[in-house]
Amino acid sequence: MTEQEIEVLIDRAAKEGAKQALKDIGLSDEEAYDDVKELRSLLETWRDTKKTVGQTIARMLTTALLAALATGVWMNWGNK
């Protein structure tokens, strides 16, 4: 068997293996492209949501800290 024939067999086996793997997870029909596109969109939305939640929590903590500092300064001035 020549090296070229071996490469052809490996390529064919890889393609068949990929087709079987996609079939096993339910992505072998005509709707598979749309399913993957939708999953990517959901993943992107999830990542954006996590980022926004993190930013919101950071803003809330910063605002609370600044409010506490301002209250402390105000109360200290009131005692003088």
PDB file of N, CA and C in Angstrom:
ATOM      1  N   MET A   1       0.840  -1.164   0.000  1.00  0.00           N
ATOM      2  CA  MET A   1       0.000   0.000   0.000  1.00  0.00           C
ATOM      3  C   MET A   1       0.898   1.244   0.000  1.00  0.00           C
ATOM      4  N   THR A   2       0.586   2.174  -0.900  1.00  0.00           N
ATOM      5  CA  THR A   2       1.416   3.368  -1.003  1.00  0.00           C
ATOM      6  C   THR A   2       1.022   4.397   0.061  1.00  0.00           C
ATOM      7  N   GLU A   3       1.888   5.368   0.230  1.00  0.00           N
ATOM      8  CA  GLU A   3       1.631   6.422   1.216  1.00  0.00           C
ATOM      9  C   GLU A   3       0.387   7.229   0.836  1.00  0.00           C
ATOM     10  N   GLN A   4       0.181   7.432  -0.451  1.00  0.00           N
ATOM     11  CA  GLN A   4      -0.986   8.169  -0.924  1.00  0.00           C
ATOM     12  C   GLN A   4      -2.277   7.390  -0.630  1.00  0.00           C
ATOM     13  N   GLU A   5      -2.246   6.084  -0.813  1.00  0.00           N
ATOM     14  CA  GLU A   5      -3.422   5.259  -0.519  1.00  0.00           C
ATOM     15  C   GLU A   5      -3.739   5.280   0.977  1.00  0.00           C
ATOM     16  N   ILE A   6      -2.693   5.264   1.788  1.00  0.00           N
ATOM     17  CA  ILE A   6      -2.898   5.331   3.236  1.00  0.00           C
ATOM     18  C   ILE A   6      -3.528   6.667   3.625  1.00  0.00           C
ATOM     19  N   GLU A   7      -3.058   7.756   3.013  1.00  0.00           N
ATOM     20  CA  GLU A   7      -3.620   9.078   3.297  1.00  0.00           C
ATOM     21  C   GLU A   7      -5.090   9.154   2.895  1.00  0.00           C
ATOM     22  N   VAL A   8      -5.432   8.541   1.761  1.00  0.00           N
ATOM     23  CA  VAL A   8      -6.825   8.519   1.301  1.00  0.00           C
ATOM     24  C   VAL A   8      -7.682   7.742   2.290  1.00  0.00           C
ATOM     25  N   LEU A   9      -7.192   6.602   2.766  1.00  0.00           N
ATOM     26  CA  LEU A   9      -7.939   5.807   3.744  1.00  0.00           C
ATOM     27  C   LEU A   9      -8.125   6.568   5.060  1.00  0.00           C
ATOM     28  N   ILE A  10      -7.069   7.233   5.507  1.00  0.00           N
ATOM     29  CA  ILE A  10      -7.159   8.002   6.752  1.00  0.00           C
ATOM     30  C   ILE A  10      -8.155   9.149   6.589  1.00  0.00           C
ATOM     31  N   ASP A  11      -8.103   9.831   5.450  1.00  0.00           N
ATOM     32  CA  ASP A  11      -9.026  10.945   5.191  1.00  0.00           C
ATOM     33  C   ASP A  11     -10.472  10.451   5.172  1.00  0.00           C
ATOM     34  N   ARG A  12     -10.710   9.332   4.510  1.00  0.00           N
ATOM     35  CA  ARG A  12     -12.059   8.765   4.429  1.00  0.00           C
ATOM     36  C   ARG A  12     -12.543   8.334   5.814  1.00  0.00           C
ATOM     37  N   ALA A  13     -11.665   7.722   6.592  1.00  0.00           N
ATOM     38  CA  ALA A  13     -12.035   7.293   7.946  1.00  0.00           C
ATOM     39  C   ALA A  13     -12.337   8.500   8.832  1.00  0.00           C
ATOM     40  N   ALA A  14     -11.559   9.560   8.690  1.00  0.00           N
ATOM     41  CA  ALA A  14     -11.790  10.767   9.487  1.00  0.00           C
ATOM     42  C   ALA A  14     -13.143  11.386   9.144  1.00  0.00           C
ATOM     43  N   LYS A  15     -13.462  11.454   7.861  1.00  0.00           N
ATOM     44  CA  LYS A  15     -14.743  12.025   7.443  1.00  0.00           C
ATOM     45  C   LYS A  15     -15.914  11.177   7.951  1.00  0.00           C
ATOM     46  N   GLU A  16     -15.791   9.873   7.836  1.00  0.00           N
ATOM     47  CA  GLU A  16     -16.858   8.992   8.320  1.00  0.00           C
ATOM     48  C   GLU A  16     -17.003   9.093   9.847  1.00  0.00           C
ATOM     49  N   GLY A  17     -15.876   9.198  10.541  1.00  0.00           N
ATOM     50  CA  GLY A  17     -15.913   9.345  11.986  1.00  0.00           C
ATOM     51  C   GLY A  17     -16.577  10.652  12.396  1.00  0.00           C
ATOM     52  N   ALA A  18     -16.280  11.723  11.681  1.00  0.00           N
ATOM     53  CA  ALA A  18     -16.900  13.018  11.970  1.00  0.00           C
ATOM     54  C   ALA A  18     -18.393  12.966  11.703  1.00  0.00           C
ATOM     55  N   LYS A  19     -18.780  12.347  10.597  1.00  0.00           N
ATOM     56  CA  LYS A  19     -20.217  12.214  10.293  1.00  0.00           C
ATOM     57  C   LYS A  19     -20.926  11.426  11.379  1.00  0.00           C
ATOM     58  N   GLN A  20     -20.323  10.350  11.832  1.00  0.00           N
ATOM     59  CA  GLN A  20     -20.933   9.524  12.878  1.00  0.00           C
ATOM     60  C   GLN A  20     -21.021  10.293  14.196  1.00  0.00           C
ATOM     61  N   ALA A  21     -19.985  11.049  14.519  1.00  0.00           N
ATOM     62  CA  ALA A  21     -19.995  11.839  15.758  1.00  0.00           C
ATOM     63  C   ALA A  21     -21.113  12.877  15.718  1.00  0.00           C
ATOM     64  N   LEU A  22     -21.264  13.561  14.591  1.00  0.00           N
ATOM     65  CA  LEU A  22     -22.344  14.538  14.456  1.00  0.00           C
ATOM     66  C   LEU A  22     -23.713  13.867  14.546  1.00  0.00           C
ATOM     67  N   LYS A  23     -23.822  12.677  13.963  1.00  0.00           N
ATOM     68  CA  LYS A  23     -25.077  11.935  14.019  1.00  0.00           C
ATOM     69  C   LYS A  23     -25.390  11.521  15.459  1.00  0.00           C
ATOM     70  N   ASP A  24     -24.360  11.125  16.196  1.00  0.00           N
ATOM     71  CA  ASP A  24     -24.551  10.691  17.583  1.00  0.00           C
ATOM     72  C   ASP A  24     -25.058  11.814  18.481  1.00  0.00           C
ATOM     73  N   ILE A  25     -24.655  13.057  18.195  1.00  0.00           N
ATOM     74  CA  ILE A  25     -25.105  14.163  19.038  1.00  0.00           C
ATOM     75  C   ILE A  25     -26.292  14.913  18.435  1.00  0.00           C
ATOM     76  N   GLY A  26     -26.829  14.399  17.345  1.00  0.00           N
ATOM     77  CA  GLY A  26     -28.049  14.961  16.770  1.00  0.00           C
ATOM     78  C   GLY A  26     -27.831  16.160  15.865  1.00  0.00           C
ATOM     79  N   LEU A  27     -26.672  16.275  15.262  1.00  0.00           N
ATOM     80  CA  LEU A  27     -26.389  17.402  14.368  1.00  0.00           C
ATOM     81  C   LEU A  27     -26.122  16.942  12.943  1.00  0.00           C
ATOM     82  N   SER A  28     -26.876  15.967  12.482  1.00  0.00           N
ATOM     83  CA  SER A  28     -26.637  15.461  11.135  1.00  0.00           C
ATOM     84  C   SER A  28     -27.757  15.807  10.156  1.00  0.00           C
ATOM     85  N   ASP A  29     -28.786  16.510  10.630  1.00  0.00           N
ATOM     86  CA  ASP A  29     -29.894  16.839   9.737  1.00  0.00           C
ATOM     87  C   ASP A  29     -29.712  18.225   9.115  1.00  0.00           C
ATOM     88  N   GLU A  30     -30.714  18.649   8.336  1.00  0.00           N
ATOM     89  CA  GLU A  30     -30.627  19.938   7.646  1.00  0.00           C
ATOM     90  C   GLU A  30     -30.700  21.117   8.614  1.00  0.00           C
ATOM     91  N   GLU A  31     -31.274  20.904   9.776  1.00  0.00           N
ATOM     92  CA  GLU A  31     -31.424  21.977  10.756  1.00  0.00           C
ATOM     93  C   GLU A  31     -30.176  22.160  11.623  1.00  0.00           C
ATOM     94  N   ALA A  32     -29.170  21.337  11.426  1.00  0.00           N
ATOM     95  CA  ALA A  32     -27.968  21.374  12.259  1.00  0.00           C
ATOM     96  C   ALA A  32     -27.268  22.730  12.173  1.00  0.00           C
ATOM     97  N   TYR A  33     -27.200  23.294  10.979  1.00  0.00           N
ATOM     98  CA  TYR A  33     -26.541  24.594  10.817  1.00  0.00           C
ATOM     99  C   TYR A  33     -27.237  25.655  11.668  1.00  0.00           C
ATOM    100  N   ASP A  34     -28.567  25.685  11.601  1.00  0.00           N
ATOM    101  CA  ASP A  34     -29.332  26.655  12.393  1.00  0.00           C
ATOM    102  C   ASP A  34     -29.182  26.387  13.893  1.00  0.00           C
ATOM    103  N   ASP A  35     -29.125  25.109  14.266  1.00  0.00           N
ATOM    104  CA  ASP A  35     -28.959  24.758  15.681  1.00  0.00           C
ATOM    105  C   ASP A  35     -27.625  25.276  16.217  1.00  0.00           C
ATOM    106  N   VAL A  36     -26.569  25.067  15.468  1.00  0.00           N
ATOM    107  CA  VAL A  36     -25.245  25.520  15.893  1.00  0.00           C
ATOM    108  C   VAL A  36     -25.205  27.041  15.945  1.00  0.00           C
ATOM    109  N   LYS A  37     -25.808  27.693  14.960  1.00  0.00           N
ATOM    110  CA  LYS A  37     -25.861  29.152  14.933  1.00  0.00           C
ATOM    111  C   LYS A  37     -26.607  29.687  16.163  1.00  0.00           C
ATOM    112  N   GLU A  38     -27.715  29.046  16.504  1.00  0.00           N
ATOM    113  CA  GLU A  38     -28.494  29.452  17.674  1.00  0.00           C
ATOM    114  C   GLU A  38     -27.716  29.213  18.971  1.00  0.00           C
ATOM    115  N   LEU A  39     -27.027  28.087  19.055  1.00  0.00           N
ATOM    116  CA  LEU A  39     -26.213  27.812  20.243  1.00  0.00           C
ATOM    117  C   LEU A  39     -25.104  28.850  20.408  1.00  0.00           C
ATOM    118  N   ARG A  40     -24.481  29.224  19.315  1.00  0.00           N
ATOM    119  CA  ARG A  40     -23.440  30.255  19.386  1.00  0.00           C
ATOM    120  C   ARG A  40     -24.016  31.588  19.842  1.00  0.00           C
ATOM    121  N   SER A  41     -25.202  31.905  19.344  1.00  0.00           N
ATOM    122  CA  SER A  41     -25.857  33.150  19.739  1.00  0.00           C
ATOM    123  C   SER A  41     -26.195  33.128  21.230  1.00  0.00           C
ATOM    124  N   LEU A  42     -26.695  31.996  21.711  1.00  0.00           N
ATOM    125  CA  LEU A  42     -27.005  31.865  23.135  1.00  0.00           C
ATOM    126  C   LEU A  42     -25.748  31.991  23.990  1.00  0.00           C
ATOM    127  N   LEU A  43     -24.671  31.388  23.531  1.00  0.00           N
ATOM    128  CA  LEU A  43     -23.409  31.458  24.267  1.00  0.00           C
ATOM    129  C   LEU A  43     -22.886  32.892  24.313  1.00  0.00           C
ATOM    130  N   GLU A  44     -22.979  33.592  23.202  1.00  0.00           N
ATOM    131  CA  GLU A  44     -22.535  34.987  23.167  1.00  0.00           C
ATOM    132  C   GLU A  44     -23.383  35.851  24.098  1.00  0.00           C
ATOM    133  N   THR A  45     -24.690  35.606  24.107  1.00  0.00           N
ATOM    134  CA  THR A  45     -25.585  36.346  24.995  1.00  0.00           C
ATOM    135  C   THR A  45     -25.253  36.051  26.447  1.00  0.00           C
ATOM    136  N   TRP A  46     -24.980  34.796  26.769  1.00  0.00           N
ATOM    137  CA  TRP A  46     -24.620  34.417  28.133  1.00  0.00           C
ATOM    138  C   TRP A  46     -23.341  35.128  28.572  1.00  0.00           C
ATOM    139  N   ARG A  47     -22.357  35.170  27.701  1.00  0.00           N
ATOM    140  CA  ARG A  47     -21.087  35.838  28.026  1.00  0.00           C
ATOM    141  C   ARG A  47     -21.305  37.336  28.243  1.00  0.00           C
ATOM    142  N   ASP A  48     -22.117  37.957  27.394  1.00  0.00           N
ATOM    143  CA  ASP A  48     -22.416  39.378  27.559  1.00  0.00           C
ATOM    144  C   ASP A  48     -23.148  39.632  28.874  1.00  0.00           C
ATOM    145  N   THR A  49     -24.065  38.746  29.219  1.00  0.00           N
ATOM    146  CA  THR A  49     -24.824  38.887  30.461  1.00  0.00           C
ATOM    147  C   THR A  49     -23.901  38.769  31.667  1.00  0.00           C
ATOM    148  N   LYS A  50     -23.000  37.789  31.660  1.00  0.00           N
ATOM    149  CA  LYS A  50     -22.050  37.643  32.768  1.00  0.00           C
ATOM    150  C   LYS A  50     -21.207  38.902  32.923  1.00  0.00           C
ATOM    151  N   LYS A  51     -20.759  39.452  31.805  1.00  0.00           N
ATOM    152  CA  LYS A  51     -19.937  40.659  31.837  1.00  0.00           C
ATOM    153  C   LYS A  51     -20.735  41.826  32.427  1.00  0.00           C
ATOM    154  N   THR A  52     -21.977  41.984  31.997  1.00  0.00           N
ATOM    155  CA  THR A  52     -22.817  43.078  32.480  1.00  0.00           C
ATOM    156  C   THR A  52     -23.116  42.931  33.962  1.00  0.00           C
ATOM    157  N   VAL A  53     -23.396  41.712  34.411  1.00  0.00           N
ATOM    158  CA  VAL A  53     -23.656  41.482  35.829  1.00  0.00           C
ATOM    159  C   VAL A  53     -22.420  41.828  36.655  1.00  0.00           C
ATOM    160  N   GLY A  54     -21.265  41.427  36.196  1.00  0.00           N
ATOM    161  CA  GLY A  54     -20.026  41.755  36.901  1.00  0.00           C
ATOM    162  C   GLY A  54     -19.807  43.252  36.999  1.00  0.00           C
ATOM    163  N   GLN A  55     -20.048  43.964  35.905  1.00  0.00           N
ATOM    164  CA  GLN A  55     -19.891  45.413  35.907  1.00  0.00           C
ATOM    165  C   GLN A  55     -20.901  46.066  36.853  1.00  0.00           C
ATOM    166  N   THR A  56     -22.122  45.572  36.862  1.00  0.00           N
ATOM    167  CA  THR A  56     -23.157  46.132  37.728  1.00  0.00           C
ATOM    168  C   THR A  56     -22.804  45.928  39.194  1.00  0.00           C
ATOM    169  N   ILE A  57     -22.326  44.757  39.548  1.00  0.00           N
ATOM    170  CA  ILE A  57     -21.939  44.489  40.935  1.00  0.00           C
ATOM    171  C   ILE A  57     -20.781  45.395  41.346  1.00  0.00           C
ATOM    172  N   ALA A  58     -19.818  45.563  40.464  1.00  0.00           N
ATOM    173  CA  ALA A  58     -18.683  46.443  40.763  1.00  0.00           C
ATOM    174  C   ALA A  58     -19.156  47.884  40.968  1.00  0.00           C
ATOM    175  N   ARG A  59     -20.078  48.346  40.142  1.00  0.00           N
ATOM    176  CA  ARG A  59     -20.611  49.703  40.293  1.00  0.00           C
ATOM    177  C   ARG A  59     -21.373  49.851  41.602  1.00  0.00           C
ATOM    178  N   MET A  60     -22.167  48.848  41.948  1.00  0.00           N
ATOM    179  CA  MET A  60     -22.931  48.905  43.199  1.00  0.00           C
ATOM    180  C   MET A  60     -21.996  48.957  44.404  1.00  0.00           C
ATOM    181  N   LEU A  61     -20.968  48.134  44.405  1.00  0.00           N
ATOM    182  CA  LEU A  61     -20.019  48.135  45.517  1.00  0.00           C
ATOM    183  C   LEU A  61     -19.274  49.463  45.611  1.00  0.00           C
ATOM    184  N   THR A  62     -18.882  50.003  44.480  1.00  0.00           N
ATOM    185  CA  THR A  62     -18.194  51.300  44.462  1.00  0.00           C
ATOM    186  C   THR A  62     -19.116  52.403  44.982  1.00  0.00           C
ATOM    187  N   THR A  63     -20.361  52.399  44.541  1.00  0.00           N
ATOM    188  CA  THR A  63     -21.322  53.399  45.002  1.00  0.00           C
ATOM    189  C   THR A  63     -21.563  53.269  46.498  1.00  0.00           C
ATOM    190  N   ALA A  64     -21.708  52.045  47.005  1.00  0.00           N
ATOM    191  CA  ALA A  64     -21.922  51.831  48.435  1.00  0.00           C
ATOM    192  C   ALA A  64     -20.714  52.317  49.241  1.00  0.00           C
ATOM    193  N   LEU A  65     -19.527  52.037  48.774  1.00  0.00           N
ATOM    194  CA  LEU A  65     -18.319  52.476  49.456  1.00  0.00           C
ATOM    195  C   LEU A  65     -18.230  53.998  49.488  1.00  0.00           C
ATOM    196  N   LEU A  66     -18.485  54.642  48.363  1.00  0.00           N
ATOM    197  CA  LEU A  66     -18.448  56.102  48.308  1.00  0.00           C
ATOM    198  C   LEU A  66     -19.542  56.718  49.180  1.00  0.00           C
ATOM    199  N   ALA A  67     -20.728  56.103  49.215  1.00  0.00           N
ATOM    200  CA  ALA A  67     -21.806  56.599  50.066  1.00  0.00           C
ATOM    201  C   ALA A  67     -21.427  56.464  51.542  1.00  0.00           C
ATOM    202  N   ALA A  68     -20.807  55.364  51.908  1.00  0.00           N
ATOM    203  CA  ALA A  68     -20.382  55.166  53.293  1.00  0.00           C
ATOM    204  C   ALA A  68     -19.317  56.193  53.674  1.00  0.00           C
ATOM    205  N   LEU A  69     -18.381  56.442  52.781  1.00  0.00           N
ATOM    206  CA  LEU A  69     -17.362  57.452  53.041  1.00  0.00           C
ATOM    207  C   LEU A  69     -17.981  58.845  53.177  1.00  0.00           C
ATOM    208  N   ALA A  70     -18.906  59.170  52.297  1.00  0.00           N
ATOM    209  CA  ALA A  70     -19.568  60.475  52.351  1.00  0.00           C
ATOM    210  C   ALA A  70     -20.368  60.620  53.637  1.00  0.00           C
ATOM    211  N   THR A  71     -21.044  59.552  54.050  1.00  0.00           N
ATOM    212  CA  THR A  71     -21.804  59.587  55.300  1.00  0.00           C
ATOM    213  C   THR A  71     -20.870  59.774  56.486  1.00  0.00           C
ATOM    214  N   GLY A  72     -19.754  59.099  56.482  1.00  0.00           N
ATOM    215  CA  GLY A  72     -18.769  59.242  57.564  1.00  0.00           C
ATOM    216  C   GLY A  72     -18.225  60.655  57.646  1.00  0.00           C
ATOM    217  N   VAL A  73     -17.914  61.228  56.504  1.00  0.00           N
ATOM    218  CA  VAL A  73     -17.411  62.610  56.478  1.00  0.00           C
ATOM    219  C   VAL A  73     -18.491  63.559  56.972  1.00  0.00           C
ATOM    220  N   TRP A  74     -19.719  63.381  56.525  1.00  0.00           N
ATOM    221  CA  TRP A  74     -20.827  64.248  56.932  1.00  0.00           C
ATOM    222  C   TRP A  74     -21.063  64.156  58.435  1.00  0.00           C
ATOM    223  N   MET A  75     -21.035  62.942  58.973  1.00  0.00           N
ATOM    224  CA  MET A  75     -21.274  62.767  60.413  1.00  0.00           C
ATOM    225  C   MET A  75     -20.114  63.368  61.217  1.00  0.00           C
ATOM    226  N   ASN A  76     -18.896  63.263  60.728  1.00  0.00           N
ATOM    227  CA  ASN A  76     -17.745  63.817  61.412  1.00  0.00           C
ATOM    228  C   ASN A  76     -17.822  65.345  61.438  1.00  0.00           C
ATOM    229  N   TRP A  77     -18.259  65.974  60.358  1.00  0.00           N
ATOM    230  CA  TRP A  77     -18.405  67.428  60.307  1.00  0.00           C
ATOM    231  C   TRP A  77     -19.525  67.893  61.221  1.00  0.00           C
ATOM    232  N   GLY A  78     -20.536  67.062  61.364  1.00  0.00           N
ATOM    233  CA  GLY A  78     -21.665  67.420  62.237  1.00  0.00           C
ATOM    234  C   GLY A  78     -21.248  67.456  63.706  1.00  0.00           C
ATOM    235  N   ASN A  79     -20.228  66.717  64.103  1.00  0.00           N
ATOM    236  CA  ASN A  79     -19.776  66.656  65.502  1.00  0.00           C
ATOM    237  C   ASN A  79     -18.875  67.813  65.866  1.00  0.00           C
ATOM    238  N   LYS A  80     -18.347  68.527  64.921  1.00  0.00           N
ATOM    239  CA  LYS A  80     -17.410  69.624  65.227  1.00  0.00           C
ATOM    240  C   LYS A  80     -18.081  70.896  65.554  1.00  0.00           C
TER     241      LYS A  80
END
